[in-house]
N, C-alpha and C. Protein backbone atom coordinates (compact mmCIF):
# COMPACT_ATOMS: atom_id res chain seq x y z
N MET A 1 18.60 -8.54 -10.29
CA MET A 1 17.55 -7.94 -11.09
C MET A 1 17.71 -6.61 -11.12
N LYS A 2 17.57 -5.71 -11.77
CA LYS A 2 17.90 -4.45 -11.51
C LYS A 2 16.26 -3.54 -11.89
N SER A 3 15.84 -3.42 -10.70
CA SER A 3 14.34 -2.36 -10.89
C SER A 3 14.60 -0.88 -11.69
N LYS A 4 13.20 -1.05 -12.67
CA LYS A 4 13.44 0.07 -13.39
C LYS A 4 12.18 0.79 -12.66
N VAL A 5 12.61 2.23 -12.61
CA VAL A 5 11.08 3.53 -12.16
C VAL A 5 11.42 4.05 -13.45
N ASN A 6 9.72 4.13 -13.82
CA ASN A 6 9.55 5.07 -14.90
C ASN A 6 8.21 5.95 -14.31
N LYS A 7 7.49 6.42 -15.60
CA LYS A 7 6.41 7.19 -15.16
C LYS A 7 5.10 6.46 -14.84
N GLU A 8 5.13 5.24 -15.27
CA GLU A 8 4.06 4.26 -14.47
C GLU A 8 4.28 4.03 -13.03
N ASN A 9 5.58 4.18 -12.69
CA ASN A 9 5.84 3.67 -11.24
C ASN A 9 6.26 4.99 -10.82
N ASN A 10 5.81 6.18 -10.54
CA ASN A 10 6.35 7.50 -10.14
C ASN A 10 5.61 7.86 -8.65
N MET A 11 5.89 8.89 -7.80
CA MET A 11 5.52 8.64 -6.38
C MET A 11 4.40 9.14 -6.59
N ASN A 12 3.45 9.50 -7.27
CA ASN A 12 2.25 9.89 -7.45
C ASN A 12 1.02 9.05 -7.28
N LYS A 13 1.57 7.81 -7.35
CA LYS A 13 0.69 6.40 -7.20
C LYS A 13 0.97 5.82 -6.13
N PRO A 14 -0.30 5.22 -5.08
CA PRO A 14 0.51 4.56 -4.23
C PRO A 14 0.87 3.11 -4.45
N ILE A 15 1.75 2.47 -3.81
CA ILE A 15 2.23 1.43 -4.09
C ILE A 15 1.85 0.30 -3.08
N ARG A 16 1.28 -0.70 -3.59
CA ARG A 16 0.76 -1.91 -2.69
C ARG A 16 1.76 -3.22 -3.06
N HIS A 17 2.40 -3.60 -1.67
CA HIS A 17 3.18 -4.94 -1.53
C HIS A 17 2.46 -5.60 -0.54
N GLY A 18 1.54 -6.57 -0.87
CA GLY A 18 1.17 -7.60 0.34
C GLY A 18 0.29 -6.56 1.05
N GLU A 19 0.28 -6.74 2.25
CA GLU A 19 -0.44 -5.81 3.49
C GLU A 19 -0.19 -4.28 3.66
N ALA A 20 1.01 -3.94 2.97
CA ALA A 20 1.53 -2.59 2.93
C ALA A 20 1.50 -1.83 1.93
N MET A 21 1.18 -0.64 2.06
CA MET A 21 0.72 0.47 1.23
C MET A 21 1.71 1.72 1.04
N LEU A 22 2.55 2.10 0.47
CA LEU A 22 3.36 3.56 0.24
C LEU A 22 2.44 4.45 -0.34
N VAL A 23 2.11 5.35 0.42
CA VAL A 23 0.87 6.56 -0.31
C VAL A 23 1.77 7.76 -0.24
N PRO A 24 2.16 8.40 -1.24
CA PRO A 24 2.80 9.73 -1.37
C PRO A 24 2.49 10.60 -0.40
N ILE A 25 3.36 11.44 -0.23
CA ILE A 25 2.99 12.51 0.71
C ILE A 25 3.99 13.65 0.63
N THR A 26 4.06 14.96 1.28
CA THR A 26 4.57 16.17 0.80
C THR A 26 5.30 16.40 1.94
N LYS A 27 5.12 16.46 3.37
CA LYS A 27 5.77 16.64 4.42
C LYS A 27 6.75 16.16 4.73
N ALA A 28 7.73 16.74 5.35
CA ALA A 28 9.22 16.72 5.67
C ALA A 28 9.26 15.13 6.74
N VAL A 29 10.36 14.62 6.10
CA VAL A 29 10.63 13.25 7.13
C VAL A 29 12.00 13.49 7.85
N ARG A 30 11.63 13.13 9.22
CA ARG A 30 12.71 13.11 9.96
C ARG A 30 12.68 11.84 10.89
N GLY A 31 14.09 11.51 10.46
CA GLY A 31 14.15 9.98 11.55
C GLY A 31 15.40 9.28 11.06
N LYS A 32 15.83 8.03 11.43
CA LYS A 32 17.09 7.32 10.71
C LYS A 32 17.25 6.98 9.68
N GLN A 33 18.74 7.02 9.53
CA GLN A 33 18.81 6.48 7.98
C GLN A 33 18.97 4.85 7.99
N HIS A 34 18.77 4.42 6.64
CA HIS A 34 18.58 2.95 6.75
C HIS A 34 18.91 2.77 4.90
N THR A 35 19.67 1.53 4.96
CA THR A 35 19.42 0.97 3.52
C THR A 35 18.52 -0.05 3.39
N GLN A 36 18.19 -0.81 4.58
CA GLN A 36 17.16 -1.70 4.52
C GLN A 36 15.95 -1.56 5.68
N TYR A 37 14.86 -1.61 5.39
CA TYR A 37 14.06 -1.72 6.57
C TYR A 37 12.63 -2.54 6.18
N ILE A 38 12.29 -3.08 7.22
CA ILE A 38 10.84 -4.14 7.07
C ILE A 38 9.81 -3.17 7.07
N ILE A 39 9.03 -2.95 6.14
CA ILE A 39 8.00 -2.06 6.19
C ILE A 39 6.54 -2.70 6.45
N ALA A 40 6.59 -4.11 6.49
CA ALA A 40 5.41 -5.29 6.61
C ALA A 40 6.09 -6.04 7.61
N HIS A 41 5.42 -6.62 8.51
CA HIS A 41 6.37 -7.91 9.40
C HIS A 41 5.36 -9.14 8.91
N SER A 42 5.99 -10.29 8.73
CA SER A 42 5.27 -11.89 8.52
C SER A 42 5.33 -12.20 9.88
N GLU A 43 4.28 -12.96 10.37
CA GLU A 43 4.14 -14.04 11.34
C GLU A 43 5.19 -15.35 10.78
N THR A 44 5.33 -15.55 9.91
CA THR A 44 6.23 -16.71 9.37
C THR A 44 7.89 -16.07 9.17
N GLY A 45 8.36 -14.76 9.43
CA GLY A 45 9.68 -14.28 9.01
C GLY A 45 9.72 -13.66 7.56
N HIS A 46 8.45 -13.77 6.58
CA HIS A 46 8.69 -13.49 5.22
C HIS A 46 8.37 -11.72 5.08
N HIS A 47 9.17 -11.23 5.57
CA HIS A 47 8.78 -9.78 5.67
C HIS A 47 9.17 -9.11 4.41
N HIS A 48 8.14 -7.92 4.17
CA HIS A 48 8.42 -7.25 3.03
C HIS A 48 9.27 -5.93 3.50
N VAL A 49 10.53 -6.08 2.82
CA VAL A 49 11.71 -5.12 2.97
C VAL A 49 11.94 -4.10 2.05
N LEU A 50 12.00 -2.78 2.31
CA LEU A 50 12.42 -2.01 1.62
C LEU A 50 13.92 -1.86 1.36
N GLU A 51 14.54 -1.89 0.14
CA GLU A 51 16.04 -1.88 0.20
C GLU A 51 16.48 -0.89 -0.73
N SER A 52 17.61 -0.32 -0.45
CA SER A 52 18.32 0.76 -1.64
C SER A 52 19.71 0.84 -0.94
N LYS A 53 20.43 0.96 -2.44
CA LYS A 53 21.71 0.98 -2.24
C LYS A 53 22.36 2.56 -1.48
N VAL A 54 21.31 3.46 -1.32
CA VAL A 54 21.64 4.90 -0.77
C VAL A 54 20.77 4.75 0.49
N PRO A 55 21.21 5.54 1.33
CA PRO A 55 20.55 5.63 2.56
C PRO A 55 19.03 6.09 2.56
N PHE A 56 18.07 5.69 3.11
CA PHE A 56 16.83 6.83 3.10
C PHE A 56 16.47 7.05 4.57
N VAL A 57 15.55 7.69 4.71
CA VAL A 57 15.10 8.19 6.07
C VAL A 57 13.52 7.69 6.40
N VAL A 58 13.81 6.83 7.71
CA VAL A 58 12.52 6.51 8.08
C VAL A 58 12.08 7.12 9.72
N SER A 59 10.97 7.31 9.41
CA SER A 59 10.12 7.61 10.88
C SER A 59 9.23 6.60 11.44
N GLU A 60 9.24 6.08 12.15
CA GLU A 60 8.34 5.10 12.63
C GLU A 60 7.97 5.33 14.03
N THR A 61 6.77 5.48 14.43
CA THR A 61 5.90 5.66 15.89
C THR A 61 4.51 4.77 15.72
N ASP A 62 4.23 4.78 16.92
CA ASP A 62 2.74 4.47 17.07
C ASP A 62 1.89 4.94 16.32
N LYS A 63 1.85 5.98 15.86
CA LYS A 63 0.80 6.91 15.18
C LYS A 63 0.95 6.96 14.11
N GLN A 64 2.58 7.04 13.39
CA GLN A 64 2.34 6.86 11.80
C GLN A 64 4.18 6.48 11.61
N PHE A 65 4.02 6.13 10.28
CA PHE A 65 5.26 5.48 9.87
C PHE A 65 5.60 6.02 8.10
N VAL A 66 6.33 6.98 8.19
CA VAL A 66 6.93 7.48 6.86
C VAL A 66 8.57 7.31 6.40
N ILE A 67 8.72 7.52 5.41
CA ILE A 67 10.08 7.23 4.63
C ILE A 67 10.06 8.15 3.57
N GLU A 68 11.46 8.59 3.60
CA GLU A 68 11.90 9.41 2.43
C GLU A 68 12.86 8.70 1.77
N LEU A 69 12.80 8.63 0.39
CA LEU A 69 13.75 8.30 -0.51
C LEU A 69 14.54 8.96 -1.19
N PHE A 70 15.96 9.25 -1.72
CA PHE A 70 16.38 9.93 -2.26
C PHE A 70 16.95 9.35 -3.51
N GLU A 71 17.15 8.22 -3.53
CA GLU A 71 17.44 7.39 -4.97
C GLU A 71 16.53 6.57 -5.23
N PRO A 72 15.93 5.87 -6.43
CA PRO A 72 15.14 4.43 -6.39
C PRO A 72 15.52 3.30 -5.41
N ALA A 73 14.50 2.66 -4.96
CA ALA A 73 14.48 1.49 -4.14
C ALA A 73 13.70 0.78 -4.79
N GLN A 74 13.44 -0.36 -3.87
CA GLN A 74 12.91 -2.07 -4.17
C GLN A 74 12.08 -2.30 -2.79
N ILE A 75 10.77 -2.67 -3.12
CA ILE A 75 10.41 -3.45 -1.81
C ILE A 75 10.29 -5.13 -2.34
N VAL A 76 11.27 -5.89 -1.63
CA VAL A 76 11.47 -6.96 -1.76
C VAL A 76 10.62 -7.96 -0.83
N HIS A 77 10.16 -9.09 -1.13
CA HIS A 77 9.26 -10.26 -0.02
C HIS A 77 10.21 -11.20 0.36
N LYS A 78 10.70 -11.42 1.44
CA LYS A 78 11.70 -12.20 1.57
C LYS A 78 10.97 -13.60 1.94
N LYS A 79 10.85 -14.19 0.77
CA LYS A 79 10.48 -15.68 0.91
C LYS A 79 10.74 -16.26 -0.33
N GLN A 80 11.22 -17.77 -0.13
CA GLN A 80 11.34 -18.39 -1.32
C GLN A 80 10.49 -18.76 -2.41
N LEU A 81 9.54 -19.18 -1.95
CA LEU A 81 8.20 -19.49 -3.22
C LEU A 81 7.29 -18.71 -2.67
N ASP A 82 6.24 -18.84 -3.57
CA ASP A 82 5.12 -18.06 -3.66
C ASP A 82 5.09 -16.54 -3.27
N LYS A 83 5.94 -15.67 -3.51
CA LYS A 83 5.98 -14.48 -3.01
C LYS A 83 5.67 -13.42 -3.83
N HIS A 84 5.55 -12.09 -3.30
CA HIS A 84 4.84 -10.95 -4.18
C HIS A 84 6.36 -10.86 -4.98
N LYS A 85 6.25 -9.98 -5.95
CA LYS A 85 6.96 -9.63 -6.93
C LYS A 85 7.54 -8.15 -6.50
N THR A 86 8.80 -8.02 -6.61
CA THR A 86 9.58 -7.25 -6.25
C THR A 86 9.23 -5.94 -6.92
N LEU A 87 8.75 -4.92 -6.32
CA LEU A 87 8.46 -3.79 -6.95
C LEU A 87 9.36 -2.48 -6.71
N PRO A 88 9.78 -1.79 -7.69
CA PRO A 88 10.62 -0.44 -7.50
C PRO A 88 9.45 0.75 -7.04
N VAL A 89 10.34 1.53 -6.14
CA VAL A 89 9.86 2.41 -5.55
C VAL A 89 10.74 4.22 -6.28
N ALA A 90 10.12 4.81 -6.47
CA ALA A 90 11.15 6.02 -6.88
C ALA A 90 11.20 7.03 -5.78
N PRO A 91 12.07 8.00 -6.02
CA PRO A 91 12.69 8.77 -5.04
C PRO A 91 11.58 9.35 -4.46
N GLY A 92 11.04 10.21 -3.13
CA GLY A 92 9.88 10.67 -2.62
C GLY A 92 9.50 10.22 -1.29
N LYS A 93 8.68 10.98 -0.74
CA LYS A 93 7.97 10.49 0.46
C LYS A 93 7.16 9.85 0.74
N TYR A 94 6.86 9.17 1.56
CA TYR A 94 5.69 8.05 1.37
C TYR A 94 5.31 7.95 3.15
N LYS A 95 4.09 7.61 3.24
CA LYS A 95 3.25 7.23 4.58
C LYS A 95 3.24 5.70 4.00
N VAL A 96 3.52 4.91 5.16
CA VAL A 96 3.34 3.26 5.02
C VAL A 96 1.86 3.19 5.92
N VAL A 97 1.14 2.56 4.88
CA VAL A 97 -0.26 2.52 5.69
C VAL A 97 -0.28 0.66 5.60
N LYS A 98 -0.69 0.06 6.59
CA LYS A 98 -0.63 -1.63 6.68
C LYS A 98 -2.15 -1.85 6.78
N LYS A 99 -2.68 -2.76 6.15
CA LYS A 99 -3.89 -3.56 6.07
C LYS A 99 -4.12 -3.99 7.25
N THR A 100 -5.41 -3.65 7.62
CA THR A 100 -5.88 -4.20 9.09
C THR A 100 -7.12 -4.95 8.68
N GLU A 101 -7.88 -5.61 10.16
CA GLU A 101 -9.04 -6.33 9.79
C GLU A 101 -9.65 -6.12 11.23
N TYR A 102 -10.79 -6.45 11.25
CA TYR A 102 -11.65 -6.46 12.27
C TYR A 102 -11.96 -7.80 12.83
N ASP A 103 -12.03 -8.03 14.14
CA ASP A 103 -12.06 -9.21 14.70
C ASP A 103 -13.62 -9.03 15.67
N PRO A 104 -14.70 -9.35 15.03
CA PRO A 104 -15.61 -9.48 16.02
C PRO A 104 -15.88 -9.82 17.36
N TRP A 105 -15.13 -11.17 17.67
CA TRP A 105 -14.97 -11.66 18.78
C TRP A 105 -14.30 -10.99 20.01
N GLN A 106 -13.42 -10.64 19.42
CA GLN A 106 -12.50 -9.48 20.52
C GLN A 106 -12.76 -8.23 20.48
N GLU A 107 -13.63 -7.73 19.23
CA GLU A 107 -13.98 -6.45 19.08
C GLU A 107 -12.68 -5.73 19.02
N ILE A 108 -11.82 -5.89 18.26
CA ILE A 108 -10.47 -5.16 17.74
C ILE A 108 -10.09 -5.00 16.55
N ILE A 109 -9.61 -3.99 16.28
CA ILE A 109 -8.89 -3.75 14.93
C ILE A 109 -7.84 -4.17 15.20
N ARG A 110 -6.91 -5.03 14.13
CA ARG A 110 -5.55 -5.52 13.97
C ARG A 110 -4.98 -5.25 12.83
N GLU A 111 -3.65 -5.26 12.83
CA GLU A 111 -2.69 -5.25 11.69
C GLU A 111 -2.77 -6.55 11.13
N VAL A 112 -3.08 -6.78 9.90
CA VAL A 112 -2.96 -8.14 9.27
C VAL A 112 -1.31 -8.36 8.81
N HIS A 113 -1.28 -9.64 9.22
CA HIS A 113 0.20 -10.17 8.78
C HIS A 113 0.12 -11.24 8.06
N ASP A 114 1.15 -11.34 6.82
CA ASP A 114 1.26 -12.33 5.83
C ASP A 114 1.45 -13.59 6.02
């Protein structure tokens, strides 16, 4: 299935896919090139993966996770059943924000995993 990027799916709007959200940014992205990259891990191996036929740039540190797409891409949920819809992503620069939760017993904030 070929995904279509249009004005409704442009880089001016955040894109949420499960517990990950791509938020448009303007700053330069320097990093390694990939054609597939896990943007959100799953405890059961059903990861959320950004895929493109054209290499894109990923920079991931413990403080920030940013990507730059040069051509349209898509986010795919690697799960057989009950999966999130595949979403098109327009070329552009994005910060990846992951959903968090607070554990009052351990008094910590941690990433949510699918």
